[in-house]
Amino acid sequence: MIDQEQEQAVEIRLRRAGIAAFAAGLVGTLAFFAFFPGLPHVIDWGAIVTALIVGALARWACQSWMRKRGASHS
């Protein structure tokens, strides 16, 4: 019973960290396209798709790092 609760707690932490990493990647990429000098300051579909991809990659990297770190500390 305790193992199941610990597993659920780990999954909740992974989910929250994944959401935060996705949001940071998304907002960071959109901010880059919006404010970087030399680029047109227009958010188009290419910037939105790129931001979604970067957010997904950030989520994947964060969750895999946390799983690896958790496995090495167990």
PDB file of N, CA and C in Angstrom:
ATOM      1  N   MET A   1       0.817  -1.192   0.000  1.00  0.00           N
ATOM      2  CA  MET A   1       0.000   0.000   0.000  1.00  0.00           C
ATOM      3  C   MET A   1       0.861   1.257   0.000  1.00  0.00           C
ATOM      4  N   ILE A   2       1.922   1.238   0.797  1.00  0.00           N
ATOM      5  CA  ILE A   2       2.797   2.406   0.868  1.00  0.00           C
ATOM      6  C   ILE A   2       3.563   2.575  -0.439  1.00  0.00           C
ATOM      7  N   ASP A   3       3.959   1.442  -1.060  1.00  0.00           N
ATOM      8  CA  ASP A   3       4.663   1.529  -2.336  1.00  0.00           C
ATOM      9  C   ASP A   3       3.797   2.168  -3.410  1.00  0.00           C
ATOM     10  N   GLN A   4       2.517   1.829  -3.399  1.00  0.00           N
ATOM     11  CA  GLN A   4       1.594   2.396  -4.376  1.00  0.00           C
ATOM     12  C   GLN A   4       1.453   3.901  -4.159  1.00  0.00           C
ATOM     13  N   GLU A   5       1.375   4.332  -2.909  1.00  0.00           N
ATOM     14  CA  GLU A   5       1.270   5.762  -2.615  1.00  0.00           C
ATOM     15  C   GLU A   5       2.545   6.489  -3.017  1.00  0.00           C
ATOM     16  N   GLN A   6       3.707   5.869  -2.791  1.00  0.00           N
ATOM     17  CA  GLN A   6       4.969   6.487  -3.194  1.00  0.00           C
ATOM     18  C   GLN A   6       5.060   6.581  -4.713  1.00  0.00           C
ATOM     19  N   GLU A   7       4.593   5.525  -5.411  1.00  0.00           N
ATOM     20  CA  GLU A   7       4.582   5.554  -6.875  1.00  0.00           C
ATOM     21  C   GLU A   7       3.696   6.682  -7.386  1.00  0.00           C
ATOM     22  N   GLN A   8       2.535   6.842  -6.773  1.00  0.00           N
ATOM     23  CA  GLN A   8       1.627   7.910  -7.175  1.00  0.00           C
ATOM     24  C   GLN A   8       2.246   9.276  -6.910  1.00  0.00           C
ATOM     25  N   ALA A   9       2.950   9.424  -5.806  1.00  0.00           N
ATOM     26  CA  ALA A   9       3.596  10.697  -5.496  1.00  0.00           C
ATOM     27  C   ALA A   9       4.680  11.009  -6.516  1.00  0.00           C
ATOM     28  N   VAL A  10       5.429   9.995  -6.920  1.00  0.00           N
ATOM     29  CA  VAL A  10       6.467  10.193  -7.935  1.00  0.00           C
ATOM     30  C   VAL A  10       5.840  10.588  -9.260  1.00  0.00           C
ATOM     31  N   GLU A  11       4.752   9.922  -9.639  1.00  0.00           N
ATOM     32  CA  GLU A  11       4.078  10.255 -10.895  1.00  0.00           C
ATOM     33  C   GLU A  11       3.519  11.676 -10.867  1.00  0.00           C
ATOM     34  N   ILE A  12       3.001  12.096  -9.734  1.00  0.00           N
ATOM     35  CA  ILE A  12       2.485  13.465  -9.608  1.00  0.00           C
ATOM     36  C   ILE A  12       3.623  14.472  -9.768  1.00  0.00           C
ATOM     37  N   ARG A  13       4.772  14.191  -9.130  1.00  0.00           N
ATOM     38  CA  ARG A  13       5.929  15.082  -9.277  1.00  0.00           C
ATOM     39  C   ARG A  13       6.405  15.134 -10.721  1.00  0.00           C
ATOM     40  N   LEU A  14       6.429  13.980 -11.393  1.00  0.00           N
ATOM     41  CA  LEU A  14       6.837  13.937 -12.798  1.00  0.00           C
ATOM     42  C   LEU A  14       5.878  14.745 -13.665  1.00  0.00           C
ATOM     43  N   ARG A  15       4.590  14.602 -13.409  1.00  0.00           N
ATOM     44  CA  ARG A  15       3.595  15.324 -14.201  1.00  0.00           C
ATOM     45  C   ARG A  15       3.736  16.834 -14.008  1.00  0.00           C
ATOM     46  N   ARG A  16       3.885  17.257 -12.743  1.00  0.00           N
ATOM     47  CA  ARG A  16       4.024  18.694 -12.466  1.00  0.00           C
ATOM     48  C   ARG A  16       5.300  19.258 -13.075  1.00  0.00           C
ATOM     49  N   ALA A  17       6.393  18.517 -12.949  1.00  0.00           N
ATOM     50  CA  ALA A  17       7.658  18.975 -13.539  1.00  0.00           C
ATOM     51  C   ALA A  17       7.553  19.018 -15.057  1.00  0.00           C
ATOM     52  N   GLY A  18       6.866  18.046 -15.640  1.00  0.00           N
ATOM     53  CA  GLY A  18       6.670  18.037 -17.092  1.00  0.00           C
ATOM     54  C   GLY A  18       5.859  19.224 -17.568  1.00  0.00           C
ATOM     55  N   ILE A  19       4.828  19.558 -16.825  1.00  0.00           N
ATOM     56  CA  ILE A  19       4.000  20.721 -17.183  1.00  0.00           C
ATOM     57  C   ILE A  19       4.816  22.003 -17.080  1.00  0.00           C
ATOM     58  N   ALA A  20       5.600  22.126 -16.008  1.00  0.00           N
ATOM     59  CA  ALA A  20       6.429  23.326 -15.836  1.00  0.00           C
ATOM     60  C   ALA A  20       7.489  23.434 -16.934  1.00  0.00           C
ATOM     61  N   ALA A  21       8.111  22.309 -17.287  1.00  0.00           N
ATOM     62  CA  ALA A  21       9.132  22.322 -18.337  1.00  0.00           C
ATOM     63  C   ALA A  21       8.510  22.670 -19.686  1.00  0.00           C
ATOM     64  N   PHE A  22       7.334  22.115 -19.977  1.00  0.00           N
ATOM     65  CA  PHE A  22       6.655  22.433 -21.231  1.00  0.00           C
ATOM     66  C   PHE A  22       6.323  23.918 -21.307  1.00  0.00           C
ATOM     67  N   ALA A  23       5.773  24.449 -20.225  1.00  0.00           N
ATOM     68  CA  ALA A  23       5.409  25.870 -20.199  1.00  0.00           C
ATOM     69  C   ALA A  23       6.641  26.756 -20.350  1.00  0.00           C
ATOM     70  N   ALA A  24       7.735  26.385 -19.677  1.00  0.00           N
ATOM     71  CA  ALA A  24       8.959  27.186 -19.784  1.00  0.00           C
ATOM     72  C   ALA A  24       9.511  27.150 -21.204  1.00  0.00           C
ATOM     73  N   GLY A  25       9.510  25.981 -21.825  1.00  0.00           N
ATOM     74  CA  GLY A  25       9.982  25.878 -23.208  1.00  0.00           C
ATOM     75  C   GLY A  25       9.104  26.650 -24.169  1.00  0.00           C
ATOM     76  N   LEU A  26       7.806  26.549 -23.990  1.00  0.00           N
ATOM     77  CA  LEU A  26       6.856  27.249 -24.851  1.00  0.00           C
ATOM     78  C   LEU A  26       7.003  28.762 -24.726  1.00  0.00           C
ATOM     79  N   VAL A  27       6.967  29.256 -23.497  1.00  0.00           N
ATOM     80  CA  VAL A  27       7.051  30.706 -23.264  1.00  0.00           C
ATOM     81  C   VAL A  27       8.428  31.238 -23.673  1.00  0.00           C
ATOM     82  N   GLY A  28       9.478  30.489 -23.351  1.00  0.00           N
ATOM     83  CA  GLY A  28      10.821  30.926 -23.716  1.00  0.00           C
ATOM     84  C   GLY A  28      11.005  31.046 -25.217  1.00  0.00           C
ATOM     85  N   THR A  29      10.483  30.076 -25.951  1.00  0.00           N
ATOM     86  CA  THR A  29      10.606  30.122 -27.409  1.00  0.00           C
ATOM     87  C   THR A  29       9.773  31.247 -27.994  1.00  0.00           C
ATOM     88  N   LEU A  30       8.560  31.415 -27.512  1.00  0.00           N
ATOM     89  CA  LEU A  30       7.729  32.520 -28.015  1.00  0.00           C
ATOM     90  C   LEU A  30       8.360  33.873 -27.679  1.00  0.00           C
ATOM     91  N   ALA A  31       8.949  33.996 -26.497  1.00  0.00           N
ATOM     92  CA  ALA A  31       9.621  35.248 -26.130  1.00  0.00           C
ATOM     93  C   ALA A  31      10.826  35.485 -27.038  1.00  0.00           C
ATOM     94  N   PHE A  32      11.555  34.423 -27.368  1.00  0.00           N
ATOM     95  CA  PHE A  32      12.692  34.562 -28.281  1.00  0.00           C
ATOM     96  C   PHE A  32      12.225  35.103 -29.619  1.00  0.00           C
ATOM     97  N   PHE A  33      11.172  34.515 -30.187  1.00  0.00           N
ATOM     98  CA  PHE A  33      10.682  34.983 -31.484  1.00  0.00           C
ATOM     99  C   PHE A  33      10.081  36.380 -31.395  1.00  0.00           C
ATOM    100  N   ALA A  34       9.541  36.746 -30.254  1.00  0.00           N
ATOM    101  CA  ALA A  34       8.904  38.052 -30.120  1.00  0.00           C
ATOM    102  C   ALA A  34       9.907  39.183 -29.894  1.00  0.00           C
ATOM    103  N   PHE A  35      11.007  38.905 -29.181  1.00  0.00           N
ATOM    104  CA  PHE A  35      11.870  39.999 -28.743  1.00  0.00           C
ATOM    105  C   PHE A  35      13.304  39.946 -29.241  1.00  0.00           C
ATOM    106  N   PHE A  36      13.741  38.863 -29.893  1.00  0.00           N
ATOM    107  CA  PHE A  36      15.133  38.772 -30.337  1.00  0.00           C
ATOM    108  C   PHE A  36      15.399  39.785 -31.440  1.00  0.00           C
ATOM    109  N   PRO A  37      16.450  40.607 -31.293  1.00  0.00           N
ATOM    110  CA  PRO A  37      16.748  41.610 -32.313  1.00  0.00           C
ATOM    111  C   PRO A  37      17.108  40.953 -33.646  1.00  0.00           C
ATOM    112  N   GLY A  38      16.628  41.536 -34.705  1.00  0.00           N
ATOM    113  CA  GLY A  38      16.936  41.036 -36.031  1.00  0.00           C
ATOM    114  C   GLY A  38      15.854  40.148 -36.609  1.00  0.00           C
ATOM    115  N   LEU A  39      14.987  39.639 -35.771  1.00  0.00           N
ATOM    116  CA  LEU A  39      13.879  38.836 -36.266  1.00  0.00           C
ATOM    117  C   LEU A  39      12.646  39.728 -36.401  1.00  0.00           C
ATOM    118  N   PRO A  40      11.797  39.421 -37.347  1.00  0.00           N
ATOM    119  CA  PRO A  40      10.543  40.175 -37.399  1.00  0.00           C
ATOM    120  C   PRO A  40       9.737  39.872 -36.136  1.00  0.00           C
ATOM    121  N   HIS A  41       9.213  40.882 -35.511  1.00  0.00           N
ATOM    122  CA  HIS A  41       8.518  40.723 -34.236  1.00  0.00           C
ATOM    123  C   HIS A  41       7.064  40.314 -34.474  1.00  0.00           C
ATOM    124  N   VAL A  42       6.932  39.175 -35.123  1.00  0.00           N
ATOM    125  CA  VAL A  42       5.611  38.647 -35.437  1.00  0.00           C
ATOM    126  C   VAL A  42       5.599  37.180 -35.042  1.00  0.00           C
ATOM    127  N   ILE A  43       4.591  36.791 -34.315  1.00  0.00           N
ATOM    128  CA  ILE A  43       4.424  35.391 -33.963  1.00  0.00           C
ATOM    129  C   ILE A  43       3.531  34.766 -35.034  1.00  0.00           C
ATOM    130  N   ASP A  44       4.124  33.939 -35.889  1.00  0.00           N
ATOM    131  CA  ASP A  44       3.362  33.275 -36.938  1.00  0.00           C
ATOM    132  C   ASP A  44       3.220  31.792 -36.593  1.00  0.00           C
ATOM    133  N   TRP A  45       2.629  31.032 -37.513  1.00  0.00           N
ATOM    134  CA  TRP A  45       2.395  29.613 -37.245  1.00  0.00           C
ATOM    135  C   TRP A  45       3.697  28.849 -37.081  1.00  0.00           C
ATOM    136  N   GLY A  46       4.721  29.242 -37.792  1.00  0.00           N
ATOM    137  CA  GLY A  46       6.017  28.572 -37.650  1.00  0.00           C
ATOM    138  C   GLY A  46       6.576  28.733 -36.248  1.00  0.00           C
ATOM    139  N   ALA A  47       6.447  29.926 -35.688  1.00  0.00           N
ATOM    140  CA  ALA A  47       6.924  30.172 -34.328  1.00  0.00           C
ATOM    141  C   ALA A  47       6.101  29.390 -33.312  1.00  0.00           C
ATOM    142  N   ILE A  48       4.806  29.291 -33.542  1.00  0.00           N
ATOM    143  CA  ILE A  48       3.946  28.550 -32.619  1.00  0.00           C
ATOM    144  C   ILE A  48       4.279  27.062 -32.650  1.00  0.00           C
ATOM    145  N   VAL A  49       4.443  26.502 -33.859  1.00  0.00           N
ATOM    146  CA  VAL A  49       4.783  25.081 -33.987  1.00  0.00           C
ATOM    147  C   VAL A  49       6.152  24.813 -33.371  1.00  0.00           C
ATOM    148  N   THR A  50       7.112  25.693 -33.625  1.00  0.00           N
ATOM    149  CA  THR A  50       8.449  25.539 -33.043  1.00  0.00           C
ATOM    150  C   THR A  50       8.379  25.598 -31.521  1.00  0.00           C
ATOM    151  N   ALA A  51       7.602  26.511 -30.987  1.00  0.00           N
ATOM    152  CA  ALA A  51       7.465  26.630 -29.538  1.00  0.00           C
ATOM    153  C   ALA A  51       6.837  25.374 -28.938  1.00  0.00           C
ATOM    154  N   LEU A  52       5.852  24.801 -29.616  1.00  0.00           N
ATOM    155  CA  LEU A  52       5.242  23.559 -29.125  1.00  0.00           C
ATOM    156  C   LEU A  52       6.243  22.410 -29.141  1.00  0.00           C
ATOM    157  N   ILE A  53       7.051  22.336 -30.197  1.00  0.00           N
ATOM    158  CA  ILE A  53       8.060  21.277 -30.281  1.00  0.00           C
ATOM    159  C   ILE A  53       9.113  21.450 -29.197  1.00  0.00           C
ATOM    160  N   VAL A  54       9.581  22.679 -28.997  1.00  0.00           N
ATOM    161  CA  VAL A  54      10.573  22.936 -27.948  1.00  0.00           C
ATOM    162  C   VAL A  54       9.986  22.619 -26.573  1.00  0.00           C
ATOM    163  N   GLY A  55       8.738  22.981 -26.347  1.00  0.00           N
ATOM    164  CA  GLY A  55       8.080  22.658 -25.084  1.00  0.00           C
ATOM    165  C   GLY A  55       7.982  21.154 -24.861  1.00  0.00           C
ATOM    166  N   ALA A  56       7.630  20.420 -25.913  1.00  0.00           N
ATOM    167  CA  ALA A  56       7.538  18.963 -25.794  1.00  0.00           C
ATOM    168  C   ALA A  56       8.911  18.346 -25.526  1.00  0.00           C
ATOM    169  N   LEU A  57       9.945  18.836 -26.202  1.00  0.00           N
ATOM    170  CA  LEU A  57      11.304  18.345 -25.952  1.00  0.00           C
ATOM    171  C   LEU A  57      11.768  18.666 -24.535  1.00  0.00           C
ATOM    172  N   ALA A  58      11.426  19.843 -24.047  1.00  0.00           N
ATOM    173  CA  ALA A  58      11.793  20.216 -22.682  1.00  0.00           C
ATOM    174  C   ALA A  58      11.086  19.310 -21.683  1.00  0.00           C
ATOM    175  N   ARG A  59       9.835  19.005 -21.927  1.00  0.00           N
ATOM    176  CA  ARG A  59       9.076  18.105 -21.044  1.00  0.00           C
ATOM    177  C   ARG A  59       9.697  16.718 -21.042  1.00  0.00           C
ATOM    178  N   TRP A  60      10.004  16.204 -22.229  1.00  0.00           N
ATOM    179  CA  TRP A  60      10.606  14.881 -22.333  1.00  0.00           C
ATOM    180  C   TRP A  60      11.956  14.831 -21.616  1.00  0.00           C
ATOM    181  N   ALA A  61      12.794  15.856 -21.843  1.00  0.00           N
ATOM    182  CA  ALA A  61      14.123  15.885 -21.220  1.00  0.00           C
ATOM    183  C   ALA A  61      14.011  15.961 -19.699  1.00  0.00           C
ATOM    184  N   CYS A  62      13.118  16.779 -19.202  1.00  0.00           N
ATOM    185  CA  CYS A  62      12.943  16.925 -17.758  1.00  0.00           C
ATOM    186  C   CYS A  62      12.470  15.624 -17.132  1.00  0.00           C
ATOM    187  N   GLN A  63      11.475  14.993 -17.730  1.00  0.00           N
ATOM    188  CA  GLN A  63      10.952  13.765 -17.158  1.00  0.00           C
ATOM    189  C   GLN A  63      11.956  12.621 -17.244  1.00  0.00           C
ATOM    190  N   SER A  64      12.684  12.522 -18.342  1.00  0.00           N
ATOM    191  CA  SER A  64      13.670  11.440 -18.431  1.00  0.00           C
ATOM    192  C   SER A  64      14.808  11.678 -17.447  1.00  0.00           C
ATOM    193  N   TRP A  65      15.205  12.921 -17.250  1.00  0.00           N
ATOM    194  CA  TRP A  65      16.252  13.233 -16.279  1.00  0.00           C
ATOM    195  C   TRP A  65      15.788  12.891 -14.866  1.00  0.00           C
ATOM    196  N   MET A  66      14.527  13.238 -14.549  1.00  0.00           N
ATOM    197  CA  MET A  66      14.009  12.952 -13.215  1.00  0.00           C
ATOM    198  C   MET A  66      13.880  11.445 -12.985  1.00  0.00           C
ATOM    199  N   ARG A  67      13.457  10.698 -14.002  1.00  0.00           N
ATOM    200  CA  ARG A  67      13.347   9.246 -13.854  1.00  0.00           C
ATOM    201  C   ARG A  67      14.729   8.621 -13.656  1.00  0.00           C
ATOM    202  N   LYS A  68      15.704   9.095 -14.431  1.00  0.00           N
ATOM    203  CA  LYS A  68      17.063   8.567 -14.310  1.00  0.00           C
ATOM    204  C   LYS A  68      17.637   8.899 -12.944  1.00  0.00           C
ATOM    205  N   ARG A  69      17.424  10.118 -12.491  1.00  0.00           N
ATOM    206  CA  ARG A  69      17.910  10.535 -11.187  1.00  0.00           C
ATOM    207  C   ARG A  69      17.241   9.738 -10.072  1.00  0.00           C
ATOM    208  N   GLY A  70      15.958   9.480 -10.217  1.00  0.00           N
ATOM    209  CA  GLY A  70      15.233   8.688  -9.230  1.00  0.00           C
ATOM    210  C   GLY A  70      15.695   7.244  -9.199  1.00  0.00           C
ATOM    211  N   ALA A  71      16.032   6.696 -10.359  1.00  0.00           N
ATOM    212  CA  ALA A  71      16.498   5.308 -10.410  1.00  0.00           C
ATOM    213  C   ALA A  71      17.881   5.172  -9.802  1.00  0.00           C
ATOM    214  N   SER A  72      18.714   6.191  -9.963  1.00  0.00           N
ATOM    215  CA  SER A  72      20.061   6.102  -9.415  1.00  0.00           C
ATOM    216  C   SER A  72      20.086   6.347  -7.894  1.00  0.00           C
ATOM    217  N   HIS A  73      19.060   7.026  -7.362  1.00  0.00           N
ATOM    218  CA  HIS A  73      19.001   7.295  -5.931  1.00  0.00           C
ATOM    219  C   HIS A  73      18.190   6.258  -5.157  1.00  0.00           C
ATOM    220  N   SER A  74      17.618   5.308  -5.865  1.00  0.00           N
ATOM    221  CA  SER A  74      16.809   4.284  -5.173  1.00  0.00           C
ATOM    222  C   SER A  74      17.664   3.215  -4.543  1.00  0.00           C
TER     223      SER A  74
END
